[in-house]
């Protein structure tokens, strides 16, 4: 897209605003039309930021600023401000990007999700500049201010993963330990909620990544004990059986857990798979003298 063509599109955009004002369209309709057109400009930048010219960037940001100036209280205003900041981020203008992300946080503090995403993006700008310590400050602020949010839970894991990827094993283990302690508190304080369920999954992910199989199975058993009648407990029991079979190479233990699974959850959709596993184990290890139980009708 050359500058002449982009300039033509922007002139059309300006004329459209004038026409809408002239015919007396409602503010809501005007905002929607302006937003639609500005997003078309934005989509071009998102598609290929490296090939977007300074002129295109200027015009697109100008379009978003025009909407914010005319309709500062529109319900998608915070998204428009995020788009402006994101353009600077995509163009690797990290200082300006931080300024715009923080402007969003200052202007729309009630938009918690947008503020969270902005704070994460500020941290990412520092990471792109290889300033991990400053990025970490941004991430820790989210963890402190919004400890129950998915973003905070994800960042706790991410910090450990960062150190792990950098082969800083001591820091990685410390970060993972802090993350698990945080998740354990959430499990205790938010029992029966989605927060608790998510915390269990993050703990399991960390243990699996670290190949701490004993702790993985211990956590799965704790989950079963806490919610024995839930579908997650059923799948946890199936996971234990599969770990004994595929990871620990203990077919007899695996058989026992598959049998326990089929007995305890006879209508679960994984019963057929469990029966197949038991048959395979019995045939592969006849010396164990294992006998599969009769197949049970399952509910799909």
Foldseek 3Di string as FASTA:
>chain_A
DDLVVLVVLLVVLVVVLVVCVVVVPDLVVSLVVLVVSLVVLLVVCVVPVVPDDPSSLVSSLVSLVVSCVVCVPPPCNLVSLLSNLVSCVSNLVLVVSLVSLVVSCVSCVVPPVSNLVSLLVNLVSCVVVVNNVVSVVSLVVCCVVPVLDPSNLVVLQVQLVVCVVVVVNVSSVVSLVVSLVSLVVQCVVVPPDVSVVVSLVSNLVVCVVVVVVVVNLVSLVVVCVSCVPDPSNLVSLLVNLVCVVPPVNNNVVSLVSLQVSCVSCVAAPCNVVSLVSNVVSCVVCVVVVDDRDDRGHYDD
